[in-house]
Amino acid sequence: MARRETLVEGQTPDFVASAAGLMRENLGAALTIADLADHVGYSRFHFSRLFSGATGQPPMEYLAALRFAEA
């Protein structure tokens, strides 16, 4: 059974919050798209597309920005 996220303007979808949390907890780790997609239960392609649509940034750019802010 496929999960479906309903994107509501101004609201962060659960899968984005979950993936961002994993990124924040593992800033020094070598995370991949596959790691993030597996964490939220989506395929790599689907996760990347939805994450980019929800945040305006691809997942790896988002992770790089988090790492830069932490440095």
C-alpha atoms as a PDB file:
ATOM      1  CA  MET A   1       0.000   0.000   0.000  1.00  0.00           C
ATOM      2  CA  ALA A   2       1.549   3.330  -1.064  1.00  0.00           C
ATOM      3  CA  ARG A   3       1.607   6.290   1.271  1.00  0.00           C
ATOM      4  CA  ARG A   4       0.368   9.589  -0.040  1.00  0.00           C
ATOM      5  CA  GLU A   5       1.421  12.951   1.324  1.00  0.00           C
ATOM      6  CA  THR A   6      -0.977  15.834   0.951  1.00  0.00           C
ATOM      7  CA  LEU A   7       1.006  19.034   0.657  1.00  0.00           C
ATOM      8  CA  VAL A   8      -0.721  21.952   2.328  1.00  0.00           C
ATOM      9  CA  GLU A   9       0.814  25.390   1.824  1.00  0.00           C
ATOM     10  CA  GLY A  10       2.645  26.538   4.928  1.00  0.00           C
ATOM     11  CA  GLN A  11       2.690  23.052   6.448  1.00  0.00           C
ATOM     12  CA  THR A  12       5.746  20.781   6.504  1.00  0.00           C
ATOM     13  CA  PRO A  13       4.877  17.240   5.443  1.00  0.00           C
ATOM     14  CA  ASP A  14       5.747  14.550   7.996  1.00  0.00           C
ATOM     15  CA  PHE A  15       8.244  12.844   5.702  1.00  0.00           C
ATOM     16  CA  VAL A  16      10.188  16.118   5.292  1.00  0.00           C
ATOM     17  CA  ALA A  17      10.310  16.691   9.043  1.00  0.00           C
ATOM     18  CA  SER A  18      11.425  13.099   9.582  1.00  0.00           C
ATOM     19  CA  ALA A  19      14.139  13.266   6.914  1.00  0.00           C
ATOM     20  CA  ALA A  20      15.360  16.655   8.165  1.00  0.00           C
ATOM     21  CA  GLY A  21      15.521  15.247  11.690  1.00  0.00           C
ATOM     22  CA  LEU A  22      17.666  12.353  10.486  1.00  0.00           C
ATOM     23  CA  MET A  23      19.934  14.843   8.710  1.00  0.00           C
ATOM     24  CA  ARG A  24      20.309  16.983  11.842  1.00  0.00           C
ATOM     25  CA  GLU A  25      21.084  13.946  13.999  1.00  0.00           C
ATOM     26  CA  ASN A  26      23.732  12.716  11.544  1.00  0.00           C
ATOM     27  CA  LEU A  27      25.421  15.853  10.207  1.00  0.00           C
ATOM     28  CA  GLY A  28      28.839  14.180  10.220  1.00  0.00           C
ATOM     29  CA  ALA A  29      27.674  10.923   8.644  1.00  0.00           C
ATOM     30  CA  ALA A  30      27.847  10.035   4.969  1.00  0.00           C
ATOM     31  CA  LEU A  31      24.082  10.094   4.364  1.00  0.00           C
ATOM     32  CA  THR A  32      22.786   9.266   0.903  1.00  0.00           C
ATOM     33  CA  ILE A  33      19.487   9.780  -0.866  1.00  0.00           C
ATOM     34  CA  ALA A  34      18.909   6.053  -0.390  1.00  0.00           C
ATOM     35  CA  ASP A  35      19.378   6.384   3.393  1.00  0.00           C
ATOM     36  CA  LEU A  36      16.896   9.236   3.588  1.00  0.00           C
ATOM     37  CA  ALA A  37      14.371   7.595   1.272  1.00  0.00           C
ATOM     38  CA  ASP A  38      14.562   4.313   3.204  1.00  0.00           C
ATOM     39  CA  HIS A  39      14.068   6.224   6.455  1.00  0.00           C
ATOM     40  CA  VAL A  40      10.749   7.652   5.267  1.00  0.00           C
ATOM     41  CA  GLY A  41       9.631   4.656   3.197  1.00  0.00           C
ATOM     42  CA  TYR A  42       9.798   6.100  -0.314  1.00  0.00           C
ATOM     43  CA  SER A  43      11.803   5.243  -3.405  1.00  0.00           C
ATOM     44  CA  ARG A  44      14.838   7.464  -3.997  1.00  0.00           C
ATOM     45  CA  PHE A  45      13.278   9.164  -7.002  1.00  0.00           C
ATOM     46  CA  HIS A  46       9.914   9.768  -5.348  1.00  0.00           C
ATOM     47  CA  PHE A  47      11.516  11.029  -2.136  1.00  0.00           C
ATOM     48  CA  SER A  48      13.814  13.430  -4.013  1.00  0.00           C
ATOM     49  CA  ARG A  49      10.963  14.818  -6.078  1.00  0.00           C
ATOM     50  CA  LEU A  50       8.627  15.327  -3.112  1.00  0.00           C
ATOM     51  CA  PHE A  51      11.351  16.705  -0.838  1.00  0.00           C
ATOM     52  CA  SER A  52      12.438  19.224  -3.476  1.00  0.00           C
ATOM     53  CA  GLY A  53       8.831  20.253  -4.054  1.00  0.00           C
ATOM     54  CA  ALA A  54       8.180  20.734  -0.349  1.00  0.00           C
ATOM     55  CA  THR A  55      11.413  22.545   0.565  1.00  0.00           C
ATOM     56  CA  GLY A  56      12.489  24.181  -2.688  1.00  0.00           C
ATOM     57  CA  GLN A  57      15.863  22.399  -2.424  1.00  0.00           C
ATOM     58  CA  PRO A  58      17.085  18.943  -3.375  1.00  0.00           C
ATOM     59  CA  PRO A  59      17.796  16.791  -0.304  1.00  0.00           C
ATOM     60  CA  MET A  60      21.593  16.907  -0.630  1.00  0.00           C
ATOM     61  CA  GLU A  61      21.587  20.712  -0.976  1.00  0.00           C
ATOM     62  CA  TYR A  62      19.395  20.909   2.113  1.00  0.00           C
ATOM     63  CA  LEU A  63      21.838  18.676   3.992  1.00  0.00           C
ATOM     64  CA  ALA A  64      24.792  20.776   2.821  1.00  0.00           C
ATOM     65  CA  ALA A  65      23.053  23.931   4.071  1.00  0.00           C
ATOM     66  CA  LEU A  66      22.471  22.298   7.469  1.00  0.00           C
ATOM     67  CA  ARG A  67      26.141  21.312   7.657  1.00  0.00           C
ATOM     68  CA  PHE A  68      27.246  24.803   6.633  1.00  0.00           C
ATOM     69  CA  ALA A  69      25.019  26.418   9.273  1.00  0.00           C
ATOM     70  CA  GLU A  70      26.417  24.091  11.923  1.00  0.00           C
ATOM     71  CA  ALA A  71      30.058  24.844  11.001  1.00  0.00           C
END
